[in-house]
Protein backbone atom coordinates (compact mmCIF):
# COMPACT_ATOMS: atom_id res chain seq x y z
CA MET A 1 -11.05 -36.15 -6.88
CA LYS A 2 -10.24 -36.31 -10.51
CA ALA A 3 -11.37 -32.95 -10.85
CA LYS A 4 -9.09 -31.61 -8.30
CA ALA A 5 -6.27 -33.22 -9.85
CA ARG A 6 -7.04 -31.27 -12.89
CA HIS A 7 -6.44 -28.01 -11.16
CA ARG A 8 -3.59 -25.90 -12.26
CA PHE A 9 -2.62 -24.65 -8.74
CA ASN A 10 -2.88 -26.81 -5.21
CA LEU A 11 -5.41 -24.82 -2.90
CA ASP A 12 -3.86 -26.33 0.20
CA VAL A 13 -0.59 -24.47 -0.83
CA VAL A 14 -2.06 -21.57 -1.65
CA LYS A 15 -3.90 -21.32 1.46
CA GLU A 16 -0.58 -22.08 3.31
CA LEU A 17 1.11 -19.44 1.45
CA ALA A 18 -1.62 -16.67 1.97
CA GLY A 19 -2.88 -17.66 5.76
CA GLY A 20 -6.46 -18.14 6.25
CA LYS A 21 -7.93 -14.68 6.30
CA VAL A 22 -6.14 -13.58 3.34
CA PHE A 23 -7.19 -16.83 1.43
CA ALA A 24 -10.80 -15.92 2.21
CA ARG A 25 -10.47 -12.42 1.09
CA GLY A 26 -9.14 -13.57 -1.97
CA GLU A 27 -12.13 -16.07 -2.49
CA ALA A 28 -14.26 -12.76 -2.17
CA TYR A 29 -12.68 -11.27 -4.86
CA TYR A 30 -12.88 -14.10 -7.15
CA ARG A 31 -16.55 -14.62 -6.23
CA ASP A 32 -17.39 -11.11 -7.08
CA GLY A 33 -16.00 -11.28 -10.63
CA GLN A 34 -12.76 -8.97 -9.80
CA VAL A 35 -10.44 -10.97 -12.05
CA VAL A 36 -10.04 -10.84 -15.47
CA ILE A 37 -7.39 -13.22 -16.95
CA LEU A 38 -5.34 -11.44 -19.48
CA SER A 39 -3.23 -14.34 -20.55
CA LEU A 40 -3.34 -18.00 -19.28
CA ARG A 41 -0.43 -20.01 -20.66
CA THR A 42 1.34 -23.11 -19.56
CA ASP A 43 4.26 -20.94 -18.17
CA ARG A 44 2.53 -18.29 -16.41
CA VAL A 45 -1.07 -16.74 -15.49
CA LEU A 46 -1.22 -12.90 -15.94
CA ALA A 47 -4.44 -11.05 -14.73
CA GLN A 48 -5.95 -7.75 -13.47
CA VAL A 49 -7.53 -7.76 -10.54
CA ALA A 50 -9.90 -4.75 -9.60
CA GLY A 51 -9.50 -3.56 -5.91
CA THR A 52 -8.61 -0.08 -4.45
CA GLU A 53 -6.93 0.14 -7.89
CA ASP A 54 -6.37 -2.22 -10.65
CA TYR A 55 -3.35 -4.49 -9.96
CA ARG A 56 -1.36 -6.49 -12.35
CA THR A 57 -1.07 -10.13 -10.94
CA GLU A 58 0.95 -12.80 -12.35
CA LEU A 59 1.58 -16.37 -11.01
CA SER A 60 3.60 -19.24 -12.55
CA GLY A 61 4.27 -22.93 -11.72
CA ARG A 62 1.41 -25.21 -10.99
CA GLY A 63 0.56 -27.99 -8.20
CA VAL A 64 2.34 -27.13 -5.06
CA ASN A 65 5.11 -25.14 -6.71
CA ILE A 66 3.72 -21.68 -6.98
CA GLU A 67 5.52 -18.31 -7.47
CA GLY A 68 4.25 -14.96 -8.51
CA GLN A 69 4.22 -11.30 -7.78
CA CYS A 70 1.47 -8.48 -7.50
CA SER A 71 1.92 -4.63 -8.26
CA CYS A 72 0.09 -4.05 -4.63
CA ARG A 73 1.73 -2.79 -1.55
CA ALA A 74 0.40 -5.98 0.31
CA PHE A 75 2.64 -8.06 -1.88
CA ALA A 76 5.59 -6.14 -1.50
CA ASP A 77 5.44 -5.73 2.61
CA TRP A 78 3.74 -9.22 3.28
CA GLY A 79 4.25 -11.67 0.27
CA PHE A 80 1.47 -13.75 -1.02
CA CYS A 81 -1.75 -11.65 -1.23
CA LYS A 82 -5.61 -11.84 -1.88
CA HIS A 83 -5.12 -10.90 -5.64
CA MET A 84 -3.08 -13.65 -6.07
CA VAL A 85 -5.27 -16.15 -4.21
CA ALA A 86 -8.08 -14.87 -6.44
CA VAL A 87 -6.06 -15.41 -9.65
CA ALA A 88 -5.16 -18.87 -8.53
CA LEU A 89 -9.06 -19.72 -8.22
CA ALA A 90 -9.90 -18.02 -11.36
CA ALA A 91 -6.89 -20.10 -13.25
CA ASN A 92 -8.32 -23.30 -11.60
CA ALA A 93 -11.82 -22.35 -12.77
CA ALA A 94 -10.73 -21.85 -16.22
CA GLY A 95 -9.39 -25.27 -16.52
CA PRO A 96 -6.94 -27.05 -18.70
CA GLU A 97 -8.92 -26.56 -22.08
CA ALA A 98 -8.61 -22.70 -21.66
CA GLU A 99 -4.89 -23.02 -20.84
CA ALA A 100 -4.09 -25.25 -23.87
CA ALA A 101 -5.97 -22.83 -26.10
CA GLY A 102 -3.87 -19.73 -24.57
CA ALA A 103 -7.13 -17.74 -23.52
CA GLY A 104 -7.19 -14.28 -21.81
CA ALA A 105 -8.03 -10.93 -22.54
CA LEU A 106 -4.66 -10.45 -24.58
CA ALA A 107 -5.16 -13.51 -26.52
CA ARG A 108 -8.68 -11.82 -27.89
CA ILE A 109 -6.73 -8.60 -28.28
CA HIS A 110 -3.90 -10.28 -30.21
CA ASP A 111 -6.91 -11.66 -32.52
CA HIS A 112 -8.49 -8.41 -32.86
CA LEU A 113 -5.36 -6.43 -33.73
CA ARG A 114 -4.50 -8.97 -36.54
CA ARG A 115 -7.62 -8.05 -38.16
CA LYS A 116 -6.44 -4.25 -38.28
CA SER A 117 -4.59 -2.86 -41.40
CA VAL A 118 -1.36 -1.20 -40.64
CA ASP A 119 -2.64 2.13 -41.05
CA GLU A 120 -5.35 1.64 -38.35
CA LEU A 121 -2.87 0.09 -36.05
CA VAL A 122 -0.50 3.24 -36.34
CA GLU A 123 -3.40 5.79 -35.64
CA MET A 124 -4.21 3.61 -32.62
CA ILE A 125 -0.87 3.55 -31.16
CA ALA A 126 -0.62 7.26 -32.14
CA GLN A 127 -3.77 8.32 -30.29
CA TRP A 128 -2.54 5.96 -27.21
CA ALA A 129 0.76 7.78 -27.12
CA GLU A 130 -0.98 11.23 -26.91
CA ARG A 131 -2.86 10.42 -23.67
CA ASP A 132 0.24 7.79 -22.20
CA ALA A 133 3.38 9.98 -21.22
CA ALA A 134 5.60 6.73 -20.74
CA LEU A 135 4.53 5.42 -24.19
CA PHE A 136 4.95 8.55 -25.74
CA HIS A 137 8.72 8.79 -24.62
CA LYS A 138 9.22 5.13 -25.54
CA LEU A 139 8.09 5.43 -29.09
CA ASP A 140 9.57 8.81 -29.60
CA LEU A 141 13.05 7.77 -28.58
CA GLU A 142 12.72 4.96 -30.90
CA ALA A 143 11.64 6.73 -33.71
CA VAL A 144 14.48 9.14 -33.21
CA ALA A 145 16.92 6.08 -33.16
CA SER A 146 15.62 4.70 -36.11
CA ASP A 147 14.94 7.79 -38.56
CA ALA A 148 17.90 10.54 -37.33
CA ASP A 149 21.06 10.81 -39.03
CA ASP A 150 24.16 11.22 -36.24
CA ALA A 151 24.01 14.87 -36.35
CA THR A 152 20.54 14.77 -35.42
CA LEU A 153 20.54 11.54 -33.50
CA GLU A 154 22.76 12.58 -30.70
CA PRO A 155 21.17 15.88 -29.36
CA ARG A 156 17.68 14.67 -29.74
CA LEU A 157 18.46 11.53 -27.85
CA ARG A 158 20.43 13.71 -25.24
CA LYS A 159 17.44 15.97 -24.68
CA LEU A 160 15.07 13.10 -24.41
CA LEU A 161 17.44 11.45 -21.97
CA ASP A 162 17.58 14.80 -19.91
CA ASP A 163 13.69 14.90 -19.75
CA ALA A 164 13.66 11.54 -18.49
CA THR A 165 15.93 11.85 -15.79
CA ARG A 166 14.61 15.25 -14.81
CA THR A 167 13.78 15.89 -11.49
CA ARG A 168 11.76 19.34 -11.18
CA SER A 169 10.77 18.86 -7.65
CA TYR A 170 11.41 16.15 -4.78
CA ILE A 171 9.90 12.84 -6.15
CA GLU A 172 8.26 10.89 -3.21
CA TYR A 173 8.11 7.07 -2.87
CA ARG A 174 5.10 6.58 -4.79
CA GLU A 175 6.15 8.58 -7.76
CA ALA A 176 9.55 7.16 -7.91
CA PRO A 177 8.61 3.82 -9.80
CA ASN A 178 6.92 6.08 -12.73
CA TRP A 179 10.29 8.39 -12.82
CA ALA A 180 12.69 4.94 -12.85
CA ALA A 181 10.24 3.64 -15.68
CA LYS A 182 10.95 6.53 -17.95
CA VAL A 183 14.72 6.50 -17.52
CA ASP A 184 14.63 2.77 -18.03
CA ALA A 185 12.68 3.16 -21.47
CA ALA A 186 15.56 6.01 -22.30
CA LEU A 187 18.27 3.39 -21.50
CA ASP A 188 16.13 0.79 -23.94
CA THR A 189 16.85 3.12 -26.81
CA ILE A 190 20.61 3.70 -26.01
CA GLU A 191 21.10 -0.02 -25.74
CA LYS A 192 20.03 -0.69 -28.88
CA LEU A 193 22.81 1.64 -30.11
CA ALA A 194 25.53 0.14 -28.08
CA SER A 195 26.11 -2.89 -30.25
CA GLY A 196 25.90 -1.28 -33.75
CA GLY A 197 27.46 1.44 -35.75
CA ARG A 198 26.37 4.02 -33.26
CA ALA A 199 28.03 2.52 -30.44
CA GLY A 200 30.03 5.91 -30.10
CA ILE A 201 26.79 7.72 -29.24
CA ALA A 202 25.83 5.20 -27.00
CA PHE A 203 28.82 5.46 -25.24
CA LYS A 204 28.52 9.03 -24.61
CA LEU A 205 24.81 8.80 -23.84
CA ALA A 206 25.42 6.28 -21.23
CA GLU A 207 27.93 8.34 -19.42
CA ARG A 208 25.61 11.18 -19.49
CA ALA A 209 22.72 8.79 -18.12
CA ILE A 210 25.09 7.68 -15.16
CA ASP A 211 25.93 11.70 -14.46
CA ARG A 212 22.24 12.38 -14.37
CA ILE A 213 21.18 9.59 -12.50
CA GLU A 214 23.59 10.34 -9.81
CA LYS A 215 22.61 13.87 -9.54
CA ALA A 216 18.95 12.95 -9.18
CA ILE A 217 19.57 10.55 -6.31
CA GLY A 218 19.25 13.46 -3.78
CA SER A 219 15.88 14.34 -5.02
CA ILE A 220 14.27 10.95 -4.96
CA ASP A 221 12.84 8.83 -2.10
CA ASP A 222 14.55 5.83 -3.52
CA SER A 223 13.68 3.36 -0.84
CA ASP A 224 13.16 0.66 -3.25
CA GLY A 225 16.50 1.07 -4.92
CA HIS A 226 15.42 2.10 -8.55
CA CYS A 227 18.60 4.24 -8.98
CA GLY A 228 20.99 1.46 -8.07
CA GLY A 229 19.71 -0.83 -10.60
CA LEU A 230 19.58 2.21 -12.97
CA LEU A 231 22.97 2.98 -12.48
CA GLU A 232 24.11 -0.72 -12.94
CA ARG A 233 22.16 -0.94 -16.28
CA ALA A 234 23.56 2.42 -17.61
CA ARG A 235 27.22 1.11 -16.64
CA ASP A 236 26.36 -1.93 -18.51
CA ILE A 237 25.67 -0.38 -21.65
CA HIS A 238 28.48 1.96 -21.38
CA LEU A 239 30.71 -0.94 -21.25
CA LYS A 240 28.94 -2.82 -24.20
CA ALA A 241 29.54 0.52 -26.25
CA ALA A 242 32.94 0.64 -25.39
CA GLN A 243 33.42 -2.89 -26.35
CA THR A 244 32.07 -2.15 -29.90
CA ALA A 245 33.43 1.43 -30.46
CA ARG A 246 36.64 0.98 -29.03
CA PRO A 247 37.62 4.58 -27.96
CA ASP A 248 41.04 5.85 -27.50
CA ALA A 249 42.66 3.66 -24.87
CA VAL A 250 44.44 6.37 -23.10
CA ALA A 251 41.36 8.78 -23.03
CA LEU A 252 39.26 5.90 -21.76
CA ALA A 253 41.81 4.87 -18.74
CA ARG A 254 41.79 8.77 -17.75
CA ASN A 255 37.98 8.88 -17.59
CA LEU A 256 37.54 5.58 -15.88
CA PHE A 257 39.88 6.36 -13.51
CA ALA A 258 38.48 9.79 -12.81
CA ARG A 259 35.10 8.14 -12.55
CA GLN A 260 36.25 5.46 -10.22
CA MET A 261 38.29 7.98 -7.72
CA GLY A 262 35.07 10.13 -7.49
CA ASP A 263 32.84 7.41 -7.38
CA ASP A 264 30.12 7.89 -4.55
CA TYR A 265 27.73 5.33 -5.52
CA ASP A 266 30.22 2.30 -6.71
CA THR A 267 29.10 2.57 -10.04
CA PHE A 268 32.67 2.14 -11.33
CA HIS A 269 34.02 0.26 -8.29
CA ALA A 270 35.26 -3.09 -10.42
CA ALA A 271 36.10 -0.65 -13.51
CA LEU A 272 39.46 -2.12 -14.21
CA ALA A 273 38.34 -5.87 -14.17
CA LEU A 274 35.32 -4.96 -16.19
CA TYR A 275 37.16 -2.72 -18.72
CA ALA A 276 40.53 -4.36 -18.70
CA ASP A 277 40.09 -6.17 -22.49
CA VAL A 278 38.80 -2.70 -23.77
CA LEU A 279 41.60 -0.74 -22.14
CA GLY A 280 44.45 -3.09 -23.59
CA GLU A 281 47.88 -2.85 -22.43
CA THR A 282 48.11 0.83 -23.45
CA GLY A 283 44.96 1.59 -21.40
CA LEU A 284 45.87 -0.30 -18.41
CA ASN A 285 49.40 1.24 -18.38
CA GLU A 286 47.80 4.52 -18.19
CA TYR A 287 45.65 3.50 -15.36
CA ARG A 288 48.48 2.29 -13.67
CA ARG A 289 50.63 5.64 -14.09
CA LEU A 290 47.81 7.61 -12.98
CA ALA A 291 47.32 5.36 -9.64
CA ASN A 292 50.98 5.50 -9.03
CA GLU A 293 51.18 9.28 -9.44
CA ALA A 294 48.27 9.76 -7.20
CA SER A 295 49.75 7.30 -4.47
CA ASP A 296 52.85 9.51 -4.38
CA LYS A 297 50.75 12.42 -3.80
CA LEU A 298 48.78 10.81 -0.70
CA GLY A 299 51.80 9.34 0.66
CA SER A 300 51.29 6.52 3.52
CA ARG A 301 48.37 7.12 5.83
CA ARG A 302 50.05 5.29 9.11
CA SER A 303 50.62 8.63 10.64
CA ASP A 304 46.83 8.84 10.74
CA ARG A 305 46.30 5.81 12.95
CA GLU A 306 45.63 7.83 15.95
CA ARG A 307 42.86 10.04 14.26
CA GLY A 308 41.17 6.89 12.45
CA GLU A 309 41.16 9.20 9.15
CA VAL A 310 41.35 7.13 5.92
CA SER A 311 39.86 8.85 3.05
CA ASP A 312 37.68 7.30 0.16
CA ASP A 313 40.35 8.44 -2.14
CA TYR A 314 42.73 6.07 -0.58
CA ARG A 315 40.73 3.01 -0.35
CA ARG A 316 39.69 3.49 -3.94
CA LEU A 317 43.61 3.79 -5.07
CA MET A 318 44.47 1.00 -2.92
CA HIS A 319 41.73 -1.03 -4.59
CA ILE A 320 43.42 -0.06 -7.87
CA LEU A 321 46.87 -0.43 -7.18
CA ASP A 322 46.04 -4.26 -5.57
CA PHE A 323 44.32 -4.81 -8.92
CA PHE A 324 47.60 -4.31 -10.82
CA ALA A 325 49.77 -6.37 -7.99
CA GLU A 326 47.20 -9.38 -8.27
CA ARG A 327 47.52 -9.13 -12.16
CA ALA A 328 51.36 -9.18 -11.72
CA GLY A 329 51.31 -11.98 -9.17
CA ASN A 330 53.31 -9.75 -6.82
CA VAL A 331 52.10 -10.77 -3.14
CA ASP A 332 54.67 -8.71 -1.53
CA LEU A 333 53.59 -5.81 -3.13
CA ARG A 334 49.89 -6.60 -2.23
CA VAL A 335 51.01 -7.38 1.64
CA ALA A 336 53.00 -4.01 1.62
CA LEU A 337 49.56 -2.21 0.05
CA ARG A 338 47.64 -3.71 2.91
CA ALA A 339 50.11 -2.73 5.70
CA ARG A 340 50.22 1.07 4.35
CA ASP A 341 47.09 1.45 6.01
CA LEU A 342 46.83 0.14 9.91
CA SER A 343 44.56 2.74 11.33
CA SER A 344 42.25 0.12 12.81
CA PRO A 345 42.21 -3.35 14.26
CA TRP A 346 39.83 -4.49 11.19
CA GLN A 347 42.83 -3.26 8.90
CA TYR A 348 45.21 -5.47 10.98
CA LEU A 349 42.75 -8.28 10.69
CA GLN A 350 42.43 -7.73 6.70
CA LEU A 351 46.27 -7.96 6.63
CA ALA A 352 46.61 -10.69 8.82
CA GLU A 353 43.77 -12.63 7.01
CA PHE A 354 45.49 -12.05 3.59
CA CYS A 355 48.90 -13.45 4.81
CA HIS A 356 47.21 -16.57 6.18
CA GLU A 357 45.30 -16.95 2.73
CA HIS A 358 48.56 -16.75 0.89
CA GLY A 359 50.40 -19.17 2.82
CA ARG A 360 52.46 -16.72 4.87
CA GLN A 361 51.41 -17.96 8.56
CA GLU A 362 54.17 -16.75 10.41
CA GLU A 363 53.52 -13.30 9.08
CA ALA A 364 49.89 -13.55 9.86
CA VAL A 365 50.51 -14.22 13.38
CA ARG A 366 53.02 -11.36 13.61
CA ARG A 367 50.72 -8.91 12.09
CA ALA A 368 47.74 -10.13 14.20
CA GLU A 369 49.64 -9.89 17.46
CA GLU A 370 50.88 -6.69 16.37
CA GLY A 371 47.33 -5.36 15.99
CA LEU A 372 46.37 -6.30 19.42
CA TRP A 373 49.39 -4.57 20.96
CA MET A 374 48.98 -1.43 18.89
CA PHE A 375 45.32 -1.09 20.17
CA GLU A 376 45.72 -2.51 23.63
CA ASP A 377 44.37 0.63 25.34
CA GLU A 378 41.05 0.50 23.57
CA ALA A 379 38.10 -1.75 23.81
CA PRO A 380 39.47 -5.45 22.43
CA ASP A 381 38.24 -6.16 18.81
CA GLU A 382 36.91 -9.68 19.13
CA ARG A 383 37.28 -10.23 15.46
CA LEU A 384 40.78 -9.74 15.47
CA LEU A 385 41.35 -11.27 18.95
CA PHE A 386 39.73 -14.52 18.06
CA PHE A 387 41.57 -14.69 14.53
CA THR A 388 44.89 -14.31 16.55
CA VAL A 389 43.93 -17.09 19.05
CA ASP A 390 42.97 -19.61 16.32
CA LEU A 391 46.44 -18.92 14.53
CA LEU A 392 48.24 -19.44 17.84
CA VAL A 393 46.68 -22.28 18.73
CA ARG A 394 47.41 -23.94 15.39
CA ALA A 395 51.23 -22.62 15.93
CA ARG A 396 51.27 -24.77 18.81
CA ARG A 397 51.54 -21.31 21.33
CA LYS A 398 48.49 -22.24 23.20
CA ALA A 399 49.63 -20.24 26.40
CA ASP A 400 50.37 -17.20 24.34
CA ALA A 401 46.58 -17.54 22.90
CA GLU A 402 45.20 -18.02 26.36
CA ALA A 403 47.00 -14.70 27.51
CA HIS A 404 45.64 -12.81 24.94
CA LEU A 405 42.28 -13.76 25.93
CA TRP A 406 42.61 -13.26 29.60
CA ARG A 407 44.11 -9.54 28.92
CA ALA A 408 40.83 -8.92 26.96
CA PHE A 409 38.56 -10.79 29.20
CA GLU A 410 40.17 -8.90 32.17
CA LYS A 411 39.15 -5.44 30.26
CA ALA A 412 35.93 -6.22 29.20
CA PRO A 413 34.46 -9.70 30.07
CA THR A 414 32.12 -11.03 27.88
CA PHE A 415 30.29 -14.55 27.60
CA GLU A 416 31.83 -15.54 24.28
CA LEU A 417 35.37 -14.70 25.98
CA TYR A 418 34.60 -17.07 28.71
CA GLU A 419 33.63 -19.88 26.17
CA ARG A 420 36.99 -19.23 24.46
CA LEU A 421 38.67 -19.40 27.87
CA ARG A 422 36.90 -22.61 28.97
CA LYS A 423 37.82 -24.39 25.48
CA ILE A 424 41.63 -23.63 26.05
CA GLY A 425 41.75 -23.72 29.91
CA GLY A 426 39.54 -26.27 30.65
CA LYS A 427 38.35 -26.60 34.34
CA ALA A 428 41.50 -24.55 35.48
CA GLY A 429 40.21 -21.78 32.89
CA THR A 430 36.79 -21.96 33.99
CA GLU A 431 37.66 -21.68 37.52
CA ARG A 432 39.67 -18.73 37.14
CA VAL A 433 37.04 -16.96 35.46
CA ILE A 434 34.35 -17.51 38.29
CA GLU A 435 36.94 -16.47 40.76
CA TRP A 436 37.66 -13.37 38.66
CA LEU A 437 34.21 -12.46 38.37
CA GLN A 438 33.38 -13.04 42.09
CA SER A 439 36.20 -10.65 43.18
CA ARG A 440 35.31 -7.96 40.67
CA LEU A 441 31.56 -8.40 41.93
CA ILE A 442 32.58 -7.74 45.37
CA LYS A 443 34.74 -4.66 44.19
CA LYS A 444 32.17 -2.87 41.90
CA ASN A 445 29.96 -0.37 42.63
CA ARG A 446 26.35 -1.04 41.63
CA SER A 447 25.84 2.59 40.20
CA ASP A 448 28.80 2.08 37.94
CA TRP A 449 27.70 -1.70 36.70
CA HIS A 450 23.96 -1.70 36.27
CA TYR A 451 23.43 -5.50 36.37
CA PRO A 452 26.75 -6.70 37.98
CA ALA A 453 25.83 -10.40 38.40
CA ASP A 454 24.68 -11.05 34.98
CA LEU A 455 27.68 -12.59 33.36
CA LEU A 456 28.52 -14.59 36.87
CA VAL A 457 25.12 -16.00 36.83
CA ARG A 458 25.23 -16.78 33.03
CA VAL A 459 28.84 -18.77 33.59
CA LEU A 460 27.61 -20.54 36.85
CA THR A 461 24.22 -21.55 34.75
CA HIS A 462 26.23 -22.78 32.09
CA GLU A 463 28.56 -24.97 34.14
CA LYS A 464 25.06 -26.01 36.03
CA MET A 465 26.59 -24.59 39.09
CA TYR A 466 22.97 -23.81 40.19
CA ASP A 467 23.51 -23.25 44.24
CA ALA A 468 26.28 -20.90 43.45
CA ALA A 469 23.94 -19.17 40.64
CA TRP A 470 21.02 -18.65 43.09
CA THR A 471 23.35 -17.52 46.06
CA THR A 472 24.85 -14.87 43.67
CA LEU A 473 21.60 -13.80 42.79
CA ARG A 474 20.11 -13.36 46.19
CA GLN A 475 23.27 -11.39 47.13
CA HIS A 476 23.75 -9.13 44.04
CA GLN A 477 21.37 -7.41 41.22
CA ALA A 478 20.98 -9.14 38.08
CA SER A 479 18.63 -8.56 35.14
CA SER A 480 15.26 -10.27 34.36
CA SER A 481 16.86 -12.11 31.48
CA ALA A 482 19.56 -13.83 33.66
CA LYS A 483 17.02 -15.12 36.15
CA GLN A 484 14.61 -16.45 33.70
CA GLU A 485 17.64 -18.39 32.13
CA LEU A 486 18.75 -19.63 35.50
CA ALA A 487 15.01 -20.59 36.44
CA LYS A 488 14.55 -22.35 33.24
CA ALA A 489 17.84 -24.43 33.67
CA SER A 490 17.34 -25.28 37.20
CA GLU A 491 13.47 -25.78 37.88
CA MET A 492 13.93 -29.40 38.76
CA THR A 493 16.66 -28.79 41.17
CA HIS A 494 15.23 -25.72 42.34
CA PRO A 495 11.58 -25.58 41.90
CA GLY A 496 10.91 -22.78 44.79
CA GLU A 497 13.41 -20.39 43.38
CA ALA A 498 12.00 -20.95 39.73
CA LEU A 499 8.50 -20.51 40.86
CA GLU A 500 9.30 -17.32 42.56
CA THR A 501 11.21 -15.96 39.44
CA TYR A 502 8.22 -16.97 37.25
CA ALA A 503 5.79 -15.51 39.26
CA VAL A 504 7.64 -12.09 39.17
CA ARG A 505 7.91 -12.30 35.38
CA VAL A 506 4.27 -13.29 35.11
CA GLU A 507 3.05 -9.94 36.54
CA GLU A 508 5.63 -8.07 34.54
CA LEU A 509 3.90 -9.93 31.03
CA VAL A 510 0.67 -9.18 32.29
CA ASN A 511 1.01 -5.58 33.22
CA SER A 512 2.42 -4.82 29.81
CA GLY A 513 -0.53 -6.50 28.23
CA ASN A 514 1.58 -9.83 27.05
CA TYR A 515 -1.15 -12.27 28.28
CA VAL A 516 -0.22 -14.89 25.78
CA ASP A 517 3.15 -15.33 27.01
CA ALA A 518 2.13 -14.81 30.71
CA VAL A 519 -0.13 -17.61 30.36
CA LYS A 520 2.38 -19.68 28.86
CA LEU A 521 4.55 -19.29 31.97
CA VAL A 522 1.92 -20.05 34.23
CA GLY A 523 1.51 -23.54 32.50
CA ARG A 524 5.15 -23.96 33.07
CA MET A 525 4.87 -23.59 36.57
CA ALA A 526 2.24 -26.42 37.02
CA PRO A 527 4.84 -29.38 37.12
CA LEU A 528 6.72 -27.64 39.68
CA ARG A 529 4.27 -27.71 42.43
CA ASN A 530 1.11 -29.69 43.43
CA ALA A 531 -2.46 -29.11 41.78
CA ALA A 532 -3.59 -27.39 45.13
CA GLU A 533 -0.52 -24.94 44.92
CA GLN A 534 -1.10 -24.18 41.13
CA ALA A 535 -4.98 -23.75 41.51
CA SER A 536 -4.38 -21.17 44.43
CA TYR A 537 -1.93 -19.42 42.47
CA ILE A 538 -4.33 -19.08 39.55
CA ALA A 539 -7.18 -18.01 41.67
CA ALA A 540 -5.17 -15.32 43.19
CA LEU A 541 -3.71 -13.95 39.80
CA LYS A 542 -7.47 -13.84 38.79
CA ALA A 543 -8.52 -11.91 41.77
CA ARG A 544 -5.72 -9.53 40.95
CA HIS A 545 -6.32 -9.08 37.45
CA GLY A 546 -10.17 -10.01 37.15
CA ARG A 547 -10.81 -6.84 35.09
CA LYS A 548 -8.64 -7.90 32.04
CA ARG A 549 -10.96 -9.98 30.28
CA ASN A 550 -8.71 -11.23 27.65
CA LEU A 551 -6.61 -12.68 30.27
CA MET A 552 -9.21 -14.30 31.74
CA LYS A 553 -10.28 -15.94 28.90
CA LEU A 554 -6.70 -17.31 28.35
CA LEU A 555 -6.37 -18.50 31.88
């Protein structure tokens, strides 16, 4: 027991994280000597695990608190993998003495390198750079940044940046990380310039990096989102360089405005907030002038409401104008800006919510109701509807709230609308819902409404009106899910109907190969009848499906 307490990682937790099968595979990897510990320190364990290829595996924490990552696909897809299990076992086997000594292959390498002369180290690294393109690019960038004068530095770094971001052909998913690593290495070098005397160069190169990365996106399978992270990093370097270099405020404002308005990847979506201190009042005034000028050209979009056309330029421009209105504390202007685009129920909702958040309750109600009326011929937008209803209830206009709900329900009835009507109207509201659904069910052509009884059955089930619900099911068409829901809710009061429904569902599950759920449902049927009836049912089931061996085992 004492030895187990000295283990770094709790193996019960490791097994829980990995699962039994994965844990067993990890044990095999460890027993076969496929783990090489690179670094064993108090804060983390770094190892290389041999598999289909060599994987970099890292674990941190201790005891029951275990975290980590692995370069294998299994970790990316499923989480805790067999390589992590193998490393946990290897770390435990190494013991606390090895951890205290900082054992591992990297420690040996450190000791070995310390015994080398500077010339020997230089020669070794140069030879590795010849064979490793990523290392070559990184060292070349750092050498250029360190040794060249400004006139030489900028074009050299620009070329190296262009080489790193180039996509000669389409970059497939597995190649994307290598491409991103080269770009990241280039950004490392540019970032080192951003806070020093060469910040102006870094400023221009960061802009170029952003342009190049955005251009490359169409030629990369970027499923893991490498480009988004690179763009954000390049933008941060651009900001850092601007804070150091302090470029001309008016020129910077024009540059940022053009980028924000033409920003397909939201790199400069928050440019004003981020760059406000660098722009200063002079730059901000120019930014505001450009926005107002563009606003005058675009004009109001209210005329486009019927087409639902609101351009990205318009949305970006409103975001900019709203920044200045918020900075000035002008709530009236912020309301007016939102009122310029009322091309959808969602826009009305945004406006009403804004008014509500800023204490303008009467205007919030007026705007919300206006949105419902403007789009009354379309399918109800439940977000706007429910927000309006809540406002009306708080304003003690319960009758108006109920009227809005009824208009929506009669146009497109849903269970959530029923719940709202039930909450506001109580028993009378519930009875009205049921009567309306029953009358519609009689009039509705089945070919037009595939499962006409579903909503009524769900409502009756929720109200525990089981007799009425089963009567509705016998008279009208309903979905399997509605039948199952009713059967489960009423199986103690209507066991015969529930058993009949379950039997049909069991056949569906068996025929689709879902034997586990089928057998579970068979088990649910047992308490609803006597043992002889259940045994007879199972015998008949076995007779029908005797060739399905897996089903027979489960039964």
